[in-house]
Amino acid sequence: ISGCMFGLGAFLAGFGGAMGGPIFGVFPGLDFELLSLGFVVVIVGGRGSLLGSAVGSILVGLVDNFGKALIPELSYFTLFAPMALVVALKPTGLFGRD
C-alpha cells in the first residue's frame, strides 16, 4: 500500500505540474515560492490530517493573497507569521494528531 500511495502522490505531482505549468510559467525562484506555501499549509493544518490540509490551504491562500494586496513589501511576513503563531499555540497544527 505504501508503494501505491507513493505512485499516486507522484502522479498527482506530475498532473499538478502539467496543469500549472502553462498558467505559472517557469522562472527562477518558482520552486521556493511554491515549496514555502506547501510547507506553511502542512504546518498550519497539521501533519496527517486531510481536513487540516484543506483548511490550512484555504487559510494560507487567503492570508497570502490579502497580504500581497494590502502590504506587498511584507508578503513573506504575512505568510510565515500565522505559521509561527500556530506553532507557538498548538504545535501539532490546527487539526494535527497528538
PDB file of N, CA and C in Angstrom:
ATOM      1  N   ILE A   1       0.827  -1.195   0.000  1.00  0.00           N
ATOM      2  CA  ILE A   1       0.000   0.000   0.000  1.00  0.00           C
ATOM      3  C   ILE A   1       0.870   1.258   0.000  1.00  0.00           C
ATOM      4  N   SER A   2       2.040   1.172   0.614  1.00  0.00           N
ATOM      5  CA  SER A   2       2.935   2.332   0.642  1.00  0.00           C
ATOM      6  C   SER A   2       3.404   2.684  -0.770  1.00  0.00           C
ATOM      7  N   GLY A   3       3.702   1.669  -1.560  1.00  0.00           N
ATOM      8  CA  GLY A   3       4.112   1.909  -2.942  1.00  0.00           C
ATOM      9  C   GLY A   3       2.999   2.515  -3.780  1.00  0.00           C
ATOM     10  N   CYS A   4       1.777   2.070  -3.535  1.00  0.00           N
ATOM     11  CA  CYS A   4       0.632   2.633  -4.260  1.00  0.00           C
ATOM     12  C   CYS A   4       0.426   4.106  -3.907  1.00  0.00           C
ATOM     13  N   MET A   5       0.575   4.430  -2.630  1.00  0.00           N
ATOM     14  CA  MET A   5       0.414   5.829  -2.215  1.00  0.00           C
ATOM     15  C   MET A   5       1.533   6.702  -2.783  1.00  0.00           C
ATOM     16  N   PHE A   6       2.751   6.154  -2.829  1.00  0.00           N
ATOM     17  CA  PHE A   6       3.854   6.904  -3.430  1.00  0.00           C
ATOM     18  C   PHE A   6       3.581   7.143  -4.913  1.00  0.00           C
ATOM     19  N   GLY A   7       3.098   6.116  -5.602  1.00  0.00           N
ATOM     20  CA  GLY A   7       2.770   6.262  -7.013  1.00  0.00           C
ATOM     21  C   GLY A   7       1.652   7.262  -7.245  1.00  0.00           C
ATOM     22  N   LEU A   8       0.633   7.230  -6.388  1.00  0.00           N
ATOM     23  CA  LEU A   8      -0.464   8.188  -6.504  1.00  0.00           C
ATOM     24  C   LEU A   8       0.026   9.609  -6.255  1.00  0.00           C
ATOM     25  N   GLY A   9       0.894   9.773  -5.260  1.00  0.00           N
ATOM     26  CA  GLY A   9       1.449  11.094  -4.978  1.00  0.00           C
ATOM     27  C   GLY A   9       2.294  11.610  -6.128  1.00  0.00           C
ATOM     28  N   ALA A  10       3.095  10.724  -6.727  1.00  0.00           N
ATOM     29  CA  ALA A  10       3.913  11.120  -7.873  1.00  0.00           C
ATOM     30  C   ALA A  10       3.036  11.492  -9.064  1.00  0.00           C
ATOM     31  N   PHE A  11       1.968  10.733  -9.275  1.00  0.00           N
ATOM     32  CA  PHE A  11       1.047  11.053 -10.361  1.00  0.00           C
ATOM     33  C   PHE A  11       0.393  12.418 -10.146  1.00  0.00           C
ATOM     34  N   LEU A  12      -0.075  12.674  -8.928  1.00  0.00           N
ATOM     35  CA  LEU A  12      -0.726  13.956  -8.651  1.00  0.00           C
ATOM     36  C   LEU A  12       0.250  15.118  -8.770  1.00  0.00           C
ATOM     37  N   ALA A  13       1.505  14.913  -8.361  1.00  0.00           N
ATOM     38  CA  ALA A  13       2.506  15.974  -8.511  1.00  0.00           C
ATOM     39  C   ALA A  13       2.768  16.256  -9.986  1.00  0.00           C
ATOM     40  N   GLY A  14       2.886  15.208 -10.783  1.00  0.00           N
ATOM     41  CA  GLY A  14       3.083  15.399 -12.217  1.00  0.00           C
ATOM     42  C   GLY A  14       1.886  16.044 -12.882  1.00  0.00           C
ATOM     43  N   PHE A  15       0.703  15.630 -12.483  1.00  0.00           N
ATOM     44  CA  PHE A  15      -0.517  16.219 -13.035  1.00  0.00           C
ATOM     45  C   PHE A  15      -0.621  17.694 -12.666  1.00  0.00           C
ATOM     46  N   GLY A  16      -0.306  18.016 -11.416  1.00  0.00           N
ATOM     47  CA  GLY A  16      -0.329  19.415 -10.986  1.00  0.00           C
ATOM     48  C   GLY A  16       0.682  20.252 -11.741  1.00  0.00           C
ATOM     49  N   GLY A  17       1.862  19.687 -11.998  1.00  0.00           N
ATOM     50  CA  GLY A  17       2.868  20.405 -12.773  1.00  0.00           C
ATOM     51  C   GLY A  17       2.435  20.618 -14.211  1.00  0.00           C
ATOM     52  N   ALA A  18       1.804  19.605 -14.787  1.00  0.00           N
ATOM     53  CA  ALA A  18       1.345  19.734 -16.169  1.00  0.00           C
ATOM     54  C   ALA A  18       0.206  20.747 -16.297  1.00  0.00           C
ATOM     55  N   MET A  19      -0.661  20.804 -15.297  1.00  0.00           N
ATOM     56  CA  MET A  19      -1.762  21.762 -15.336  1.00  0.00           C
ATOM     57  C   MET A  19      -1.307  23.173 -14.960  1.00  0.00           C
ATOM     58  N   GLY A  20      -0.396  23.286 -14.016  1.00  0.00           N
ATOM     59  CA  GLY A  20       0.039  24.600 -13.557  1.00  0.00           C
ATOM     60  C   GLY A  20       1.138  25.211 -14.387  1.00  0.00           C
ATOM     61  N   GLY A  21       1.847  24.407 -15.173  1.00  0.00           N
ATOM     62  CA  GLY A  21       2.949  24.919 -15.988  1.00  0.00           C
ATOM     63  C   GLY A  21       2.544  26.015 -16.953  1.00  0.00           C
ATOM     64  N   PRO A  22       1.501  25.819 -17.723  1.00  0.00           N
ATOM     65  CA  PRO A  22       1.093  26.887 -18.642  1.00  0.00           C
ATOM     66  C   PRO A  22       0.567  28.143 -17.935  1.00  0.00           C
ATOM     67  N   ILE A  23       0.044  27.983 -16.733  1.00  0.00           N
ATOM     68  CA  ILE A  23      -0.503  29.134 -16.012  1.00  0.00           C
ATOM     69  C   ILE A  23       0.617  29.956 -15.386  1.00  0.00           C
ATOM     70  N   PHE A  24       1.500  29.293 -14.642  1.00  0.00           N
ATOM     71  CA  PHE A  24       2.568  29.993 -13.932  1.00  0.00           C
ATOM     72  C   PHE A  24       3.769  30.280 -14.810  1.00  0.00           C
ATOM     73  N   GLY A  25       4.039  29.411 -15.761  1.00  0.00           N
ATOM     74  CA  GLY A  25       5.292  29.506 -16.489  1.00  0.00           C
ATOM     75  C   GLY A  25       6.413  29.016 -15.589  1.00  0.00           C
ATOM     76  N   VAL A  26       7.615  29.067 -16.084  1.00  0.00           N
ATOM     77  CA  VAL A  26       8.756  28.633 -15.288  1.00  0.00           C
ATOM     78  C   VAL A  26       9.723  29.795 -15.184  1.00  0.00           C
ATOM     79  N   PHE A  27      10.140  30.096 -13.975  1.00  0.00           N
ATOM     80  CA  PHE A  27      11.111  31.155 -13.757  1.00  0.00           C
ATOM     81  C   PHE A  27      11.939  30.792 -12.530  1.00  0.00           C
ATOM     82  N   PRO A  28      13.145  31.319 -12.434  1.00  0.00           N
ATOM     83  CA  PRO A  28      13.964  31.033 -11.256  1.00  0.00           C
ATOM     84  C   PRO A  28      13.291  31.564  -9.994  1.00  0.00           C
ATOM     85  N   GLY A  29      13.239  30.750  -8.984  1.00  0.00           N
ATOM     86  CA  GLY A  29      12.596  31.133  -7.739  1.00  0.00           C
ATOM     87  C   GLY A  29      11.201  30.574  -7.576  1.00  0.00           C
ATOM     88  N   LEU A  30      10.649  29.966  -8.620  1.00  0.00           N
ATOM     89  CA  LEU A  30       9.314  29.380  -8.524  1.00  0.00           C
ATOM     90  C   LEU A  30       9.300  28.241  -7.512  1.00  0.00           C
ATOM     91  N   ASP A  31      10.402  27.487  -7.462  1.00  0.00           N
ATOM     92  CA  ASP A  31      10.454  26.367  -6.534  1.00  0.00           C
ATOM     93  C   ASP A  31      10.343  26.833  -5.092  1.00  0.00           C
ATOM     94  N   PHE A  32      11.026  27.906  -4.735  1.00  0.00           N
ATOM     95  CA  PHE A  32      10.957  28.394  -3.358  1.00  0.00           C
ATOM     96  C   PHE A  32       9.574  28.936  -3.034  1.00  0.00           C
ATOM     97  N   GLU A  33       8.971  29.604  -3.992  1.00  0.00           N
ATOM     98  CA  GLU A  33       7.645  30.184  -3.756  1.00  0.00           C
ATOM     99  C   GLU A  33       6.610  29.099  -3.483  1.00  0.00           C
ATOM    100  N   LEU A  34       6.589  28.062  -4.298  1.00  0.00           N
ATOM    101  CA  LEU A  34       5.602  27.001  -4.121  1.00  0.00           C
ATOM    102  C   LEU A  34       5.936  26.103  -2.943  1.00  0.00           C
ATOM    103  N   LEU A  35       7.231  25.844  -2.718  1.00  0.00           N
ATOM    104  CA  LEU A  35       7.633  24.996  -1.603  1.00  0.00           C
ATOM    105  C   LEU A  35       7.307  25.652  -0.268  1.00  0.00           C
ATOM    106  N   SER A  36       7.517  26.949  -0.178  1.00  0.00           N
ATOM    107  CA  SER A  36       7.207  27.638   1.079  1.00  0.00           C
ATOM    108  C   SER A  36       5.707  27.630   1.350  1.00  0.00           C
ATOM    109  N   LEU A  37       4.893  27.780   0.320  1.00  0.00           N
ATOM    110  CA  LEU A  37       3.437  27.716   0.518  1.00  0.00           C
ATOM    111  C   LEU A  37       3.004  26.331   0.998  1.00  0.00           C
ATOM    112  N   GLY A  38       3.541  25.295   0.378  1.00  0.00           N
ATOM    113  CA  GLY A  38       3.212  23.934   0.802  1.00  0.00           C
ATOM    114  C   GLY A  38       3.662  23.645   2.220  1.00  0.00           C
ATOM    115  N   PHE A  39       4.846  24.133   2.572  1.00  0.00           N
ATOM    116  CA  PHE A  39       5.369  23.946   3.925  1.00  0.00           C
ATOM    117  C   PHE A  39       4.456  24.609   4.953  1.00  0.00           C
ATOM    118  N   VAL A  40       4.048  25.821   4.690  1.00  0.00           N
ATOM    119  CA  VAL A  40       3.187  26.552   5.627  1.00  0.00           C
ATOM    120  C   VAL A  40       1.822  25.874   5.742  1.00  0.00           C
ATOM    121  N   VAL A  41       1.283  25.378   4.642  1.00  0.00           N
ATOM    122  CA  VAL A  41      -0.016  24.695   4.672  1.00  0.00           C
ATOM    123  C   VAL A  41       0.054  23.459   5.559  1.00  0.00           C
ATOM    124  N   VAL A  42       1.111  22.669   5.418  1.00  0.00           N
ATOM    125  CA  VAL A  42       1.233  21.447   6.214  1.00  0.00           C
ATOM    126  C   VAL A  42       1.417  21.778   7.691  1.00  0.00           C
ATOM    127  N   ILE A  43       2.215  22.780   8.000  1.00  0.00           N
ATOM    128  CA  ILE A  43       2.444  23.142   9.399  1.00  0.00           C
ATOM    129  C   ILE A  43       1.173  23.707  10.029  1.00  0.00           C
ATOM    130  N   VAL A  44       0.471  24.568   9.333  1.00  0.00           N
ATOM    131  CA  VAL A  44      -0.752  25.167   9.888  1.00  0.00           C
ATOM    132  C   VAL A  44      -1.853  24.120  10.020  1.00  0.00           C
ATOM    133  N   GLY A  45      -2.057  23.309   9.002  1.00  0.00           N
ATOM    134  CA  GLY A  45      -3.133  22.325   9.033  1.00  0.00           C
ATOM    135  C   GLY A  45      -2.868  21.169   9.970  1.00  0.00           C
ATOM    136  N   GLY A  46      -1.614  20.749  10.074  1.00  0.00           N
ATOM    137  CA  GLY A  46      -1.261  19.613  10.916  1.00  0.00           C
ATOM    138  C   GLY A  46      -0.907  18.410  10.072  1.00  0.00           C
ATOM    139  N   ARG A  47       0.168  17.747  10.469  1.00  0.00           N
ATOM    140  CA  ARG A  47       0.596  16.562   9.727  1.00  0.00           C
ATOM    141  C   ARG A  47      -0.403  15.431   9.912  1.00  0.00           C
ATOM    142  N   GLY A  48      -0.652  14.700   8.851  1.00  0.00           N
ATOM    143  CA  GLY A  48      -1.507  13.531   8.927  1.00  0.00           C
ATOM    144  C   GLY A  48      -2.993  13.823   8.921  1.00  0.00           C
ATOM    145  N   SER A  49      -3.383  15.016   8.592  1.00  0.00           N
ATOM    146  CA  SER A  49      -4.798  15.371   8.604  1.00  0.00           C
ATOM    147  C   SER A  49      -5.196  15.942   7.251  1.00  0.00           C
ATOM    148  N   LEU A  50      -6.076  15.246   6.564  1.00  0.00           N
ATOM    149  CA  LEU A  50      -6.555  15.728   5.273  1.00  0.00           C
ATOM    150  C   LEU A  50      -7.443  16.963   5.448  1.00  0.00           C
ATOM    151  N   LEU A  51      -8.276  16.959   6.467  1.00  0.00           N
ATOM    152  CA  LEU A  51      -9.098  18.136   6.754  1.00  0.00           C
ATOM    153  C   LEU A  51      -8.216  19.327   7.113  1.00  0.00           C
ATOM    154  N   GLY A  52      -7.156  19.079   7.869  1.00  0.00           N
ATOM    155  CA  GLY A  52      -6.227  20.149   8.217  1.00  0.00           C
ATOM    156  C   GLY A  52      -5.543  20.729   7.002  1.00  0.00           C
ATOM    157  N   SER A  53      -5.190  19.877   6.049  1.00  0.00           N
ATOM    158  CA  SER A  53      -4.574  20.378   4.820  1.00  0.00           C
ATOM    159  C   SER A  53      -5.545  21.230   4.016  1.00  0.00           C
ATOM    160  N   ALA A  54      -6.796  20.813   3.968  1.00  0.00           N
ATOM    161  CA  ALA A  54      -7.798  21.590   3.226  1.00  0.00           C
ATOM    162  C   ALA A  54      -8.041  22.943   3.888  1.00  0.00           C
ATOM    163  N   VAL A  55      -8.244  22.937   5.192  1.00  0.00           N
ATOM    164  CA  VAL A  55      -8.483  24.193   5.909  1.00  0.00           C
ATOM    165  C   VAL A  55      -7.229  25.060   5.892  1.00  0.00           C
ATOM    166  N   GLY A  56      -6.070  24.428   6.075  1.00  0.00           N
ATOM    167  CA  GLY A  56      -4.814  25.175   6.053  1.00  0.00           C
ATOM    168  C   GLY A  56      -4.549  25.815   4.707  1.00  0.00           C
ATOM    169  N   SER A  57      -4.872  25.113   3.623  1.00  0.00           N
ATOM    170  CA  SER A  57      -4.629  25.687   2.301  1.00  0.00           C
ATOM    171  C   SER A  57      -5.539  26.885   2.035  1.00  0.00           C
ATOM    172  N   ILE A  58      -6.782  26.807   2.462  1.00  0.00           N
ATOM    173  CA  ILE A  58      -7.687  27.948   2.289  1.00  0.00           C
ATOM    174  C   ILE A  58      -7.228  29.125   3.140  1.00  0.00           C
ATOM    175  N   LEU A  59      -6.879  28.848   4.384  1.00  0.00           N
ATOM    176  CA  LEU A  59      -6.435  29.903   5.291  1.00  0.00           C
ATOM    177  C   LEU A  59      -5.149  30.557   4.802  1.00  0.00           C
ATOM    178  N   VAL A  60      -4.185  29.741   4.403  1.00  0.00           N
ATOM    179  CA  VAL A  60      -2.903  30.280   3.924  1.00  0.00           C
ATOM    180  C   VAL A  60      -3.093  31.029   2.609  1.00  0.00           C
ATOM    181  N   GLY A  61      -3.943  30.522   1.732  1.00  0.00           N
ATOM    182  CA  GLY A  61      -4.208  31.218   0.475  1.00  0.00           C
ATOM    183  C   GLY A  61      -4.829  32.588   0.691  1.00  0.00           C
ATOM    184  N   LEU A  62      -5.791  32.659   1.596  1.00  0.00           N
ATOM    185  CA  LEU A  62      -6.416  33.954   1.890  1.00  0.00           C
ATOM    186  C   LEU A  62      -5.427  34.928   2.519  1.00  0.00           C
ATOM    187  N   VAL A  63      -4.677  34.457   3.508  1.00  0.00           N
ATOM    188  CA  VAL A  63      -3.708  35.330   4.180  1.00  0.00           C
ATOM    189  C   VAL A  63      -2.633  35.788   3.204  1.00  0.00           C
ATOM    190  N   ASP A  64      -2.155  34.875   2.358  1.00  0.00           N
ATOM    191  CA  ASP A  64      -1.100  35.225   1.400  1.00  0.00           C
ATOM    192  C   ASP A  64      -1.595  36.248   0.380  1.00  0.00           C
ATOM    193  N   ASN A  65      -2.769  36.044  -0.167  1.00  0.00           N
ATOM    194  CA  ASN A  65      -3.285  36.975  -1.175  1.00  0.00           C
ATOM    195  C   ASN A  65      -3.647  38.332  -0.587  1.00  0.00           C
ATOM    196  N   PHE A  66      -4.265  38.339   0.580  1.00  0.00           N
ATOM    197  CA  PHE A  66      -4.556  39.624   1.218  1.00  0.00           C
ATOM    198  C   PHE A  66      -3.277  40.338   1.618  1.00  0.00           C
ATOM    199  N   GLY A  67      -2.288  39.573   2.078  1.00  0.00           N
ATOM    200  CA  GLY A  67      -1.010  40.183   2.438  1.00  0.00           C
ATOM    201  C   GLY A  67      -0.308  40.797   1.246  1.00  0.00           C
ATOM    202  N   LYS A  68      -0.336  40.104   0.109  1.00  0.00           N
ATOM    203  CA  LYS A  68       0.290  40.647  -1.106  1.00  0.00           C
ATOM    204  C   LYS A  68      -0.470  41.857  -1.639  1.00  0.00           C
ATOM    205  N   ALA A  69      -1.776  41.890  -1.436  1.00  0.00           N
ATOM    206  CA  ALA A  69      -2.569  43.013  -1.938  1.00  0.00           C
ATOM    207  C   ALA A  69      -2.467  44.239  -1.037  1.00  0.00           C
ATOM    208  N   LEU A  70      -2.469  44.024   0.268  1.00  0.00           N
ATOM    209  CA  LEU A  70      -2.504  45.153   1.196  1.00  0.00           C
ATOM    210  C   LEU A  70      -1.116  45.680   1.554  1.00  0.00           C
ATOM    211  N   ILE A  71      -0.195  44.774   1.856  1.00  0.00           N
ATOM    212  CA  ILE A  71       1.170  45.191   2.221  1.00  0.00           C
ATOM    213  C   ILE A  71       2.175  44.297   1.487  1.00  0.00           C
ATOM    214  N   PRO A  72       2.419  44.579   0.213  1.00  0.00           N
ATOM    215  CA  PRO A  72       3.262  43.692  -0.592  1.00  0.00           C
ATOM    216  C   PRO A  72       4.705  43.599  -0.111  1.00  0.00           C
ATOM    217  N   GLU A  73       5.217  44.638   0.532  1.00  0.00           N
ATOM    218  CA  GLU A  73       6.604  44.580   0.980  1.00  0.00           C
ATOM    219  C   GLU A  73       6.782  43.629   2.165  1.00  0.00           C
ATOM    220  N   LEU A  74       5.707  43.262   2.832  1.00  0.00           N
ATOM    221  CA  LEU A  74       5.761  42.319   3.950  1.00  0.00           C
ATOM    222  C   LEU A  74       5.029  41.018   3.628  1.00  0.00           C
ATOM    223  N   SER A  75       5.010  40.625   2.360  1.00  0.00           N
ATOM    224  CA  SER A  75       4.204  39.469   1.975  1.00  0.00           C
ATOM    225  C   SER A  75       4.711  38.176   2.604  1.00  0.00           C
ATOM    226  N   TYR A  76       6.024  38.003   2.726  1.00  0.00           N
ATOM    227  CA  TYR A  76       6.524  36.783   3.361  1.00  0.00           C
ATOM    228  C   TYR A  76       6.277  36.807   4.862  1.00  0.00           C
ATOM    229  N   PHE A  77       6.291  37.975   5.462  1.00  0.00           N
ATOM    230  CA  PHE A  77       5.962  38.066   6.887  1.00  0.00           C
ATOM    231  C   PHE A  77       4.519  37.659   7.124  1.00  0.00           C
ATOM    232  N   THR A  78       3.610  38.131   6.273  1.00  0.00           N
ATOM    233  CA  THR A  78       2.203  37.778   6.444  1.00  0.00           C
ATOM    234  C   THR A  78       1.961  36.304   6.156  1.00  0.00           C
ATOM    235  N   LEU A  79       2.872  35.659   5.446  1.00  0.00           N
ATOM    236  CA  LEU A  79       2.748  34.229   5.189  1.00  0.00           C
ATOM    237  C   LEU A  79       3.252  33.415   6.373  1.00  0.00           C
ATOM    238  N   PHE A  80       4.413  33.788   6.918  1.00  0.00           N
ATOM    239  CA  PHE A  80       5.030  32.986   7.967  1.00  0.00           C
ATOM    240  C   PHE A  80       4.590  33.368   9.378  1.00  0.00           C
ATOM    241  N   ALA A  81       4.044  34.549   9.588  1.00  0.00           N
ATOM    242  CA  ALA A  81       3.596  34.947  10.927  1.00  0.00           C
ATOM    243  C   ALA A  81       2.447  34.070  11.445  1.00  0.00           C
ATOM    244  N   PRO A  82       1.417  33.770  10.642  1.00  0.00           N
ATOM    245  CA  PRO A  82       0.382  32.858  11.148  1.00  0.00           C
ATOM    246  C   PRO A  82       0.927  31.462  11.443  1.00  0.00           C
ATOM    247  N   MET A  83       1.909  31.017  10.654  1.00  0.00           N
ATOM    248  CA  MET A  83       2.515  29.720  10.917  1.00  0.00           C
ATOM    249  C   MET A  83       3.226  29.737  12.265  1.00  0.00           C
ATOM    250  N   ALA A  84       3.967  30.800  12.548  1.00  0.00           N
ATOM    251  CA  ALA A  84       4.661  30.905  13.828  1.00  0.00           C
ATOM    252  C   ALA A  84       3.664  30.963  14.982  1.00  0.00           C
ATOM    253  N   LEU A  85       2.554  31.634  14.773  1.00  0.00           N
ATOM    254  CA  LEU A  85       1.523  31.722  15.802  1.00  0.00           C
ATOM    255  C   LEU A  85       0.902  30.350  16.074  1.00  0.00           C
ATOM    256  N   VAL A  86       0.610  29.598  15.020  1.00  0.00           N
ATOM    257  CA  VAL A  86       0.036  28.260  15.187  1.00  0.00           C
ATOM    258  C   VAL A  86       1.037  27.339  15.871  1.00  0.00           C
ATOM    259  N   VAL A  87       2.299  27.413  15.489  1.00  0.00           N
ATOM    260  CA  VAL A  87       3.317  26.560  16.111  1.00  0.00           C
ATOM    261  C   VAL A  87       3.479  26.912  17.587  1.00  0.00           C
ATOM    262  N   ALA A  88       3.377  28.188  17.929  1.00  0.00           N
ATOM    263  CA  ALA A  88       3.520  28.598  19.327  1.00  0.00           C
ATOM    264  C   ALA A  88       2.321  28.163  20.170  1.00  0.00           C
ATOM    265  N   LEU A  89       1.119  28.267  19.610  1.00  0.00           N
ATOM    266  CA  LEU A  89      -0.078  27.965  20.390  1.00  0.00           C
ATOM    267  C   LEU A  89      -0.494  26.500  20.328  1.00  0.00           C
ATOM    268  N   LYS A  90      -0.360  25.879  19.174  1.00  0.00           N
ATOM    269  CA  LYS A  90      -0.771  24.482  19.001  1.00  0.00           C
ATOM    270  C   LYS A  90       0.250  23.788  18.104  1.00  0.00           C
ATOM    271  N   PRO A  91       1.307  23.221  18.684  1.00  0.00           N
ATOM    272  CA  PRO A  91       2.422  22.682  17.889  1.00  0.00           C
ATOM    273  C   PRO A  91       2.043  21.574  16.909  1.00  0.00           C
ATOM    274  N   THR A  92       0.936  20.878  17.128  1.00  0.00           N
ATOM    275  CA  THR A  92       0.544  19.818  16.198  1.00  0.00           C
ATOM    276  C   THR A  92      -0.245  20.346  15.012  1.00  0.00           C
ATOM    277  N   GLY A  93      -0.506  21.628  14.943  1.00  0.00           N
ATOM    278  CA  GLY A  93      -1.300  22.207  13.864  1.00  0.00           C
ATOM    279  C   GLY A  93      -2.758  22.312  14.277  1.00  0.00           C
ATOM    280  N   LEU A  94      -3.566  22.900  13.417  1.00  0.00           N
ATOM    281  CA  LEU A  94      -4.974  23.104  13.759  1.00  0.00           C
ATOM    282  C   LEU A  94      -5.738  21.796  13.904  1.00  0.00           C
ATOM    283  N   PHE A  95      -5.478  20.837  13.013  1.00  0.00           N
ATOM    284  CA  PHE A  95      -6.181  19.558  13.051  1.00  0.00           C
ATOM    285  C   PHE A  95      -5.215  18.388  13.167  1.00  0.00           C
ATOM    286  N   GLY A  96      -3.997  18.639  13.636  1.00  0.00           N
ATOM    287  CA  GLY A  96      -2.981  17.592  13.707  1.00  0.00           C
ATOM    288  C   GLY A  96      -3.257  16.586  14.803  1.00  0.00           C
ATOM    289  N   ARG A  97      -2.668  15.422  14.627  1.00  0.00           N
ATOM    290  CA  ARG A  97      -2.809  14.363  15.623  1.00  0.00           C
ATOM    291  C   ARG A  97      -1.739  14.529  16.686  1.00  0.00           C
ATOM    292  N   ASP A  98      -2.097  14.221  17.921  1.00  0.00           N
ATOM    293  CA  ASP A  98      -1.130  14.317  19.022  1.00  0.00           C
ATOM    294  C   ASP A  98      -0.192  13.139  19.036  1.00  0.00           C
TER     295      ASP A  98
END
